[in-house]
Full PDB file with SEQRES, HELIX, SHEET, SSBOND, CRYST1, ORIGX, SCALE, CONECT and MASTER records, all heavy atoms in Angstrom:
SEQRES   1 A   30  VAL ALA HIS LEU ASP LEU ALA ASP PHE ASP LEU GLY GLY          
SEQRES   2 A   30  PHE SER LEU GLY ALA ARG THR SER VAL ARG ALA VAL VAL          
SEQRES   3 A   30  ALA GLY MET ARG                                              
HELIX    1 AA1 LEU A   16  VAL A   26  1                                  11    
CRYST1    1.000    1.000    1.000  90.00  90.00  90.00 P 1           1          
ORIGX1      1.000000  0.000000  0.000000        0.00000                         
ORIGX2      0.000000  1.000000  0.000000        0.00000                         
ORIGX3      0.000000  0.000000  1.000000        0.00000                         
SCALE1      1.000000  0.000000  0.000000        0.00000                         
SCALE2      0.000000  1.000000  0.000000        0.00000                         
SCALE3      0.000000  0.000000  1.000000        0.00000                         
ATOM      1  N   VAL A   1       3.145   5.451  -5.477  1.00  0.00           N  
ATOM      2  CA  VAL A   1       2.611   4.482  -6.505  1.00  0.00           C  
ATOM      3  C   VAL A   1       2.373   5.226  -7.836  1.00  0.00           C  
ATOM      4  O   VAL A   1       2.681   4.748  -8.875  1.00  0.00           O  
ATOM      5  CB  VAL A   1       1.292   3.815  -5.979  1.00  0.00           C  
ATOM      6  CG1 VAL A   1       0.549   3.104  -7.106  1.00  0.00           C  
ATOM      7  CG2 VAL A   1       1.677   2.893  -4.831  1.00  0.00           C  
ATOM      8  N   ALA A   2       1.849   6.444  -7.767  1.00  0.00           N  
ATOM      9  CA  ALA A   2       1.497   7.195  -8.955  1.00  0.00           C  
ATOM     10  C   ALA A   2       2.820   7.703  -9.576  1.00  0.00           C  
ATOM     11  O   ALA A   2       2.974   7.650 -10.845  1.00  0.00           O  
ATOM     12  CB  ALA A   2       0.634   8.408  -8.629  1.00  0.00           C  
ATOM     13  N   HIS A   3       3.768   8.102  -8.754  1.00  0.00           N  
ATOM     14  CA  HIS A   3       5.071   8.557  -9.300  1.00  0.00           C  
ATOM     15  C   HIS A   3       5.790   7.482 -10.010  1.00  0.00           C  
ATOM     16  O   HIS A   3       6.401   7.707 -11.083  1.00  0.00           O  
ATOM     17  CB  HIS A   3       5.860   9.083  -8.111  1.00  0.00           C  
ATOM     18  CG  HIS A   3       7.364   9.439  -8.483  1.00  0.00           C  
ATOM     19  ND1 HIS A   3       7.635  10.557  -9.153  1.00  0.00           N  
ATOM     20  CD2 HIS A   3       8.504   8.785  -8.246  1.00  0.00           C  
ATOM     21  CE1 HIS A   3       8.978  10.570  -9.372  1.00  0.00           C  
ATOM     22  NE2 HIS A   3       9.532   9.503  -8.793  1.00  0.00           N  
ATOM     23  N   LEU A   4       5.682   6.219  -9.556  1.00  0.00           N  
ATOM     24  CA  LEU A   4       6.362   5.101 -10.167  1.00  0.00           C  
ATOM     25  C   LEU A   4       5.474   4.441 -11.268  1.00  0.00           C  
ATOM     26  O   LEU A   4       5.920   3.457 -11.889  1.00  0.00           O  
ATOM     27  CB  LEU A   4       6.775   4.125  -9.173  1.00  0.00           C  
ATOM     28  CG  LEU A   4       7.852   4.657  -8.090  1.00  0.00           C  
ATOM     29  CD1 LEU A   4       8.074   3.601  -7.004  1.00  0.00           C  
ATOM     30  CD2 LEU A   4       9.144   5.003  -8.746  1.00  0.00           C  
ATOM     31  N   ASP A   5       4.221   4.897 -11.339  1.00  0.00           N  
ATOM     32  CA  ASP A   5       3.263   4.381 -12.332  1.00  0.00           C  
ATOM     33  C   ASP A   5       3.110   2.892 -12.153  1.00  0.00           C  
ATOM     34  O   ASP A   5       3.146   2.155 -13.135  1.00  0.00           O  
ATOM     35  CB  ASP A   5       3.801   4.667 -13.798  1.00  0.00           C  
ATOM     36  CG  ASP A   5       2.676   4.554 -14.811  1.00  0.00           C  
ATOM     37  OD1 ASP A   5       1.459   4.575 -14.392  1.00  0.00           O  
ATOM     38  OD2 ASP A   5       2.974   4.276 -16.013  1.00  0.00           O  
ATOM     39  N   LEU A   6       2.888   2.448 -10.921  1.00  0.00           N  
ATOM     40  CA  LEU A   6       2.699   1.069 -10.623  1.00  0.00           C  
ATOM     41  C   LEU A   6       1.194   0.693 -10.751  1.00  0.00           C  
ATOM     42  O   LEU A   6       0.319   1.372 -10.218  1.00  0.00           O  
ATOM     43  CB  LEU A   6       3.135   0.741  -9.164  1.00  0.00           C  
ATOM     44  CG  LEU A   6       4.596   1.047  -8.845  1.00  0.00           C  
ATOM     45  CD1 LEU A   6       4.912   0.674  -7.403  1.00  0.00           C  
ATOM     46  CD2 LEU A   6       5.503   0.220  -9.766  1.00  0.00           C  
ATOM     47  N   ALA A   7       0.911  -0.459 -11.434  1.00  0.00           N  
ATOM     48  CA  ALA A   7      -0.452  -0.955 -11.524  1.00  0.00           C  
ATOM     49  C   ALA A   7      -0.604  -2.271 -10.850  1.00  0.00           C  
ATOM     50  O   ALA A   7      -1.540  -2.443 -10.087  1.00  0.00           O  
ATOM     51  CB  ALA A   7      -0.789  -1.071 -12.991  1.00  0.00           C  
ATOM     52  N   ASP A   8       0.312  -3.194 -11.031  1.00  0.00           N  
ATOM     53  CA  ASP A   8       0.239  -4.502 -10.450  1.00  0.00           C  
ATOM     54  C   ASP A   8       1.455  -4.737  -9.487  1.00  0.00           C  
ATOM     55  O   ASP A   8       2.636  -4.748  -9.953  1.00  0.00           O  
ATOM     56  CB  ASP A   8       0.268  -5.547 -11.503  1.00  0.00           C  
ATOM     57  CG  ASP A   8       0.103  -6.995 -10.969  1.00  0.00           C  
ATOM     58  OD1 ASP A   8      -0.355  -7.125  -9.821  1.00  0.00           O  
ATOM     59  OD2 ASP A   8       0.511  -7.933 -11.654  1.00  0.00           O  
ATOM     60  N   PHE A   9       1.230  -4.757  -8.231  1.00  0.00           N  
ATOM     61  CA  PHE A   9       2.320  -4.783  -7.175  1.00  0.00           C  
ATOM     62  C   PHE A   9       1.853  -5.451  -5.904  1.00  0.00           C  
ATOM     63  O   PHE A   9       0.700  -5.602  -5.734  1.00  0.00           O  
ATOM     64  CB  PHE A   9       2.817  -3.405  -6.983  1.00  0.00           C  
ATOM     65  CG  PHE A   9       1.782  -2.432  -6.401  1.00  0.00           C  
ATOM     66  CD1 PHE A   9       1.625  -2.319  -4.986  1.00  0.00           C  
ATOM     67  CD2 PHE A   9       0.880  -1.726  -7.215  1.00  0.00           C  
ATOM     68  CE1 PHE A   9       0.608  -1.499  -4.441  1.00  0.00           C  
ATOM     69  CE2 PHE A   9       0.011  -0.879  -6.637  1.00  0.00           C  
ATOM     70  CZ  PHE A   9      -0.150  -0.807  -5.313  1.00  0.00           C  
ATOM     71  N   ASP A  10       2.844  -5.878  -5.091  1.00  0.00           N  
ATOM     72  CA  ASP A  10       2.537  -6.383  -3.791  1.00  0.00           C  
ATOM     73  C   ASP A  10       2.960  -5.307  -2.742  1.00  0.00           C  
ATOM     74  O   ASP A  10       3.741  -4.332  -3.140  1.00  0.00           O  
ATOM     75  CB  ASP A  10       3.348  -7.687  -3.534  1.00  0.00           C  
ATOM     76  CG  ASP A  10       3.030  -8.760  -4.524  1.00  0.00           C  
ATOM     77  OD1 ASP A  10       1.758  -8.854  -4.772  1.00  0.00           O  
ATOM     78  OD2 ASP A  10       3.863  -9.441  -5.046  1.00  0.00           O  
ATOM     79  N   LEU A  11       2.405  -5.398  -1.577  1.00  0.00           N  
ATOM     80  CA  LEU A  11       2.632  -4.374  -0.565  1.00  0.00           C  
ATOM     81  C   LEU A  11       2.777  -4.960   0.808  1.00  0.00           C  
ATOM     82  O   LEU A  11       2.100  -6.016   1.172  1.00  0.00           O  
ATOM     83  CB  LEU A  11       1.356  -3.427  -0.503  1.00  0.00           C  
ATOM     84  CG  LEU A  11       1.263  -2.371   0.606  1.00  0.00           C  
ATOM     85  CD1 LEU A  11       2.357  -1.395   0.458  1.00  0.00           C  
ATOM     86  CD2 LEU A  11      -0.105  -1.762   0.598  1.00  0.00           C  
ATOM     87  N   GLY A  12       3.700  -4.415   1.555  1.00  0.00           N  
ATOM     88  CA  GLY A  12       3.902  -4.912   2.951  1.00  0.00           C  
ATOM     89  C   GLY A  12       4.548  -3.953   3.825  1.00  0.00           C  
ATOM     90  O   GLY A  12       4.980  -2.881   3.417  1.00  0.00           O  
ATOM     91  N   GLY A  13       4.529  -4.194   5.164  1.00  0.00           N  
ATOM     92  CA  GLY A  13       5.104  -3.200   6.027  1.00  0.00           C  
ATOM     93  C   GLY A  13       5.307  -3.897   7.427  1.00  0.00           C  
ATOM     94  O   GLY A  13       4.784  -4.969   7.670  1.00  0.00           O  
ATOM     95  N   PHE A  14       6.059  -3.296   8.230  1.00  0.00           N  
ATOM     96  CA  PHE A  14       6.367  -3.661   9.596  1.00  0.00           C  
ATOM     97  C   PHE A  14       5.881  -2.620  10.572  1.00  0.00           C  
ATOM     98  O   PHE A  14       6.179  -1.420  10.485  1.00  0.00           O  
ATOM     99  CB  PHE A  14       7.882  -3.908   9.831  1.00  0.00           C  
ATOM    100  CG  PHE A  14       8.183  -4.488  11.216  1.00  0.00           C  
ATOM    101  CD1 PHE A  14       8.091  -5.889  11.371  1.00  0.00           C  
ATOM    102  CD2 PHE A  14       8.495  -3.689  12.311  1.00  0.00           C  
ATOM    103  CE1 PHE A  14       8.331  -6.473  12.605  1.00  0.00           C  
ATOM    104  CE2 PHE A  14       8.731  -4.244  13.460  1.00  0.00           C  
ATOM    105  CZ  PHE A  14       8.642  -5.565  13.691  1.00  0.00           C  
ATOM    106  N   SER A  15       4.961  -3.069  11.557  1.00  0.00           N  
ATOM    107  CA  SER A  15       4.545  -2.260  12.577  1.00  0.00           C  
ATOM    108  C   SER A  15       3.814  -0.977  11.937  1.00  0.00           C  
ATOM    109  O   SER A  15       2.732  -1.249  11.402  1.00  0.00           O  
ATOM    110  CB  SER A  15       5.656  -1.806  13.548  1.00  0.00           C  
ATOM    111  OG  SER A  15       5.242  -1.222  14.785  1.00  0.00           O  
ATOM    112  N   LEU A  16       4.297   0.203  12.124  1.00  0.00           N  
ATOM    113  CA  LEU A  16       3.637   1.386  11.491  1.00  0.00           C  
ATOM    114  C   LEU A  16       3.449   1.122  10.013  1.00  0.00           C  
ATOM    115  O   LEU A  16       2.479   1.517   9.380  1.00  0.00           O  
ATOM    116  CB  LEU A  16       4.440   2.710  11.720  1.00  0.00           C  
ATOM    117  CG  LEU A  16       4.002   3.910  10.970  1.00  0.00           C  
ATOM    118  CD1 LEU A  16       2.561   4.211  11.333  1.00  0.00           C  
ATOM    119  CD2 LEU A  16       4.921   5.041  11.179  1.00  0.00           C  
ATOM    120  N   GLY A  17       4.466   0.495   9.327  1.00  0.00           N  
ATOM    121  CA  GLY A  17       4.315   0.201   7.994  1.00  0.00           C  
ATOM    122  C   GLY A  17       3.179  -0.755   7.612  1.00  0.00           C  
ATOM    123  O   GLY A  17       2.468  -0.701   6.647  1.00  0.00           O  
ATOM    124  N   ALA A  18       2.968  -1.700   8.609  1.00  0.00           N  
ATOM    125  CA  ALA A  18       1.811  -2.633   8.390  1.00  0.00           C  
ATOM    126  C   ALA A  18       0.504  -1.862   8.579  1.00  0.00           C  
ATOM    127  O   ALA A  18      -0.468  -2.094   7.824  1.00  0.00           O  
ATOM    128  CB  ALA A  18       1.948  -3.801   9.413  1.00  0.00           C  
ATOM    129  N   ARG A  19       0.445  -0.987   9.607  1.00  0.00           N  
ATOM    130  CA  ARG A  19      -0.745  -0.175   9.843  1.00  0.00           C  
ATOM    131  C   ARG A  19      -1.088   0.649   8.644  1.00  0.00           C  
ATOM    132  O   ARG A  19      -2.180   0.759   8.168  1.00  0.00           O  
ATOM    133  CB  ARG A  19      -0.557   0.726  11.012  1.00  0.00           C  
ATOM    134  CG  ARG A  19      -0.532   0.044  12.384  1.00  0.00           C  
ATOM    135  CD  ARG A  19      -0.598   1.079  13.536  1.00  0.00           C  
ATOM    136  NE  ARG A  19      -1.904   1.668  13.523  1.00  0.00           N  
ATOM    137  CZ  ARG A  19      -2.185   2.922  13.038  1.00  0.00           C  
ATOM    138  NH1 ARG A  19      -1.363   3.613  12.433  1.00  0.00           N  
ATOM    139  NH2 ARG A  19      -3.422   3.375  13.090  1.00  0.00           N  
ATOM    140  N   THR A  20      -0.032   1.298   8.034  1.00  0.00           N  
ATOM    141  CA  THR A  20      -0.188   2.169   6.882  1.00  0.00           C  
ATOM    142  C   THR A  20      -0.666   1.385   5.669  1.00  0.00           C  
ATOM    143  O   THR A  20      -1.542   1.795   4.925  1.00  0.00           O  
ATOM    144  CB  THR A  20       1.110   2.872   6.568  1.00  0.00           C  
ATOM    145  OG1 THR A  20       1.535   3.562   7.722  1.00  0.00           O  
ATOM    146  CG2 THR A  20       0.905   3.869   5.430  1.00  0.00           C  
ATOM    147  N   SER A  21      -0.136   0.164   5.509  1.00  0.00           N  
ATOM    148  CA  SER A  21      -0.535  -0.732   4.417  1.00  0.00           C  
ATOM    149  C   SER A  21      -2.027  -1.082   4.552  1.00  0.00           C  
ATOM    150  O   SER A  21      -2.788  -1.050   3.558  1.00  0.00           O  
ATOM    151  CB  SER A  21       0.301  -2.025   4.405  1.00  0.00           C  
ATOM    152  OG  SER A  21       1.687  -1.716   4.181  1.00  0.00           O  
ATOM    153  N   VAL A  22      -2.464  -1.385   5.745  1.00  0.00           N  
ATOM    154  CA  VAL A  22      -3.884  -1.693   5.987  1.00  0.00           C  
ATOM    155  C   VAL A  22      -4.767  -0.482   5.675  1.00  0.00           C  
ATOM    156  O   VAL A  22      -5.803  -0.606   5.054  1.00  0.00           O  
ATOM    157  CB  VAL A  22      -4.125  -2.168   7.397  1.00  0.00           C  
ATOM    158  CG1 VAL A  22      -5.613  -2.175   7.817  1.00  0.00           C  
ATOM    159  CG2 VAL A  22      -3.535  -3.559   7.642  1.00  0.00           C  
ATOM    160  N   ARG A  23      -4.324   0.679   6.222  1.00  0.00           N  
ATOM    161  CA  ARG A  23      -5.103   1.920   5.904  1.00  0.00           C  
ATOM    162  C   ARG A  23      -5.248   2.192   4.452  1.00  0.00           C  
ATOM    163  O   ARG A  23      -6.223   2.593   3.919  1.00  0.00           O  
ATOM    164  CB  ARG A  23      -4.401   3.072   6.652  1.00  0.00           C  
ATOM    165  CG  ARG A  23      -4.383   3.061   8.188  1.00  0.00           C  
ATOM    166  CD  ARG A  23      -5.770   3.021   8.807  1.00  0.00           C  
ATOM    167  NE  ARG A  23      -6.540   4.170   8.555  1.00  0.00           N  
ATOM    168  CZ  ARG A  23      -7.815   4.252   8.708  1.00  0.00           C  
ATOM    169  NH1 ARG A  23      -8.514   3.160   9.225  1.00  0.00           N  
ATOM    170  NH2 ARG A  23      -8.520   5.282   8.385  1.00  0.00           N  
ATOM    171  N   ALA A  24      -4.172   1.945   3.734  1.00  0.00           N  
ATOM    172  CA  ALA A  24      -4.151   2.122   2.288  1.00  0.00           C  
ATOM    173  C   ALA A  24      -5.149   1.189   1.609  1.00  0.00           C  
ATOM    174  O   ALA A  24      -5.913   1.580   0.669  1.00  0.00           O  
ATOM    175  CB  ALA A  24      -2.782   1.912   1.638  1.00  0.00           C  
ATOM    176  N   VAL A  25      -5.155  -0.100   1.965  1.00  0.00           N  
ATOM    177  CA  VAL A  25      -6.118  -1.036   1.346  1.00  0.00           C  
ATOM    178  C   VAL A  25      -7.568  -0.572   1.739  1.00  0.00           C  
ATOM    179  O   VAL A  25      -8.464  -0.641   0.840  1.00  0.00           O  
ATOM    180  CB  VAL A  25      -5.836  -2.467   1.809  1.00  0.00           C  
ATOM    181  CG1 VAL A  25      -6.998  -3.438   1.368  1.00  0.00           C  
ATOM    182  CG2 VAL A  25      -4.455  -2.940   1.268  1.00  0.00           C  
ATOM    183  N   VAL A  26      -7.811  -0.240   2.982  1.00  0.00           N  
ATOM    184  CA  VAL A  26      -9.124   0.272   3.378  1.00  0.00           C  
ATOM    185  C   VAL A  26      -9.548   1.460   2.553  1.00  0.00           C  
ATOM    186  O   VAL A  26     -10.708   1.590   2.217  1.00  0.00           O  
ATOM    187  CB  VAL A  26      -9.152   0.561   4.927  1.00  0.00           C  
ATOM    188  CG1 VAL A  26     -10.456   1.299   5.378  1.00  0.00           C  
ATOM    189  CG2 VAL A  26      -8.976  -0.718   5.715  1.00  0.00           C  
ATOM    190  N   ALA A  27      -8.598   2.295   2.194  1.00  0.00           N  
ATOM    191  CA  ALA A  27      -8.817   3.461   1.371  1.00  0.00           C  
ATOM    192  C   ALA A  27      -8.984   3.172  -0.112  1.00  0.00           C  
ATOM    193  O   ALA A  27      -9.276   4.048  -0.915  1.00  0.00           O  
ATOM    194  CB  ALA A  27      -7.754   4.485   1.576  1.00  0.00           C  
ATOM    195  N   GLY A  28      -8.785   1.883  -0.500  1.00  0.00           N  
ATOM    196  CA  GLY A  28      -8.987   1.567  -1.926  1.00  0.00           C  
ATOM    197  C   GLY A  28      -7.775   1.007  -2.655  1.00  0.00           C  
ATOM    198  O   GLY A  28      -7.960   0.526  -3.861  1.00  0.00           O  
ATOM    199  N   MET A  29      -6.618   1.021  -2.100  1.00  0.00           N  
ATOM    200  CA  MET A  29      -5.426   0.462  -2.788  1.00  0.00           C  
ATOM    201  C   MET A  29      -5.633  -1.058  -2.933  1.00  0.00           C  
ATOM    202  O   MET A  29      -6.109  -1.726  -2.017  1.00  0.00           O  
ATOM    203  CB  MET A  29      -4.140   0.776  -2.019  1.00  0.00           C  
ATOM    204  CG  MET A  29      -2.861   0.444  -2.794  1.00  0.00           C  
ATOM    205  SD  MET A  29      -1.383   1.139  -2.033  1.00  0.00           S  
ATOM    206  CE  MET A  29      -1.459   2.905  -2.393  1.00  0.00           C  
ATOM    207  N   ARG A  30      -5.211  -1.566  -4.076  1.00  0.00           N  
ATOM    208  CA  ARG A  30      -5.378  -3.047  -4.339  1.00  0.00           C  
ATOM    209  C   ARG A  30      -4.184  -3.742  -4.702  1.00  0.00           C  
ATOM    210  O   ARG A  30      -3.910  -4.157  -5.852  1.00  0.00           O  
ATOM    211  CB  ARG A  30      -6.486  -3.164  -5.450  1.00  0.00           C  
ATOM    212  CG  ARG A  30      -7.911  -3.001  -4.953  1.00  0.00           C  
ATOM    213  CD  ARG A  30      -8.283  -4.204  -4.009  1.00  0.00           C  
ATOM    214  NE  ARG A  30      -9.481  -3.975  -3.320  1.00  0.00           N  
ATOM    215  CZ  ARG A  30      -9.611  -3.569  -2.029  1.00  0.00           C  
ATOM    216  NH1 ARG A  30      -8.493  -3.213  -1.413  1.00  0.00           N  
ATOM    217  NH2 ARG A  30     -10.732  -3.474  -1.424  1.00  0.00           N  
TER     218      ARG A  30                                                      
MASTER        0    0    0    1    0    0    0    6  217    1    0    3          
END                                                                             
């Protein structure tokens, strides 16, 4: 996200990707 300089974006994942997406939101990603 920092490398691509993203500020406003959507996020998704499948299985491990979904788990990782949840962990990222819990860690503060919005």
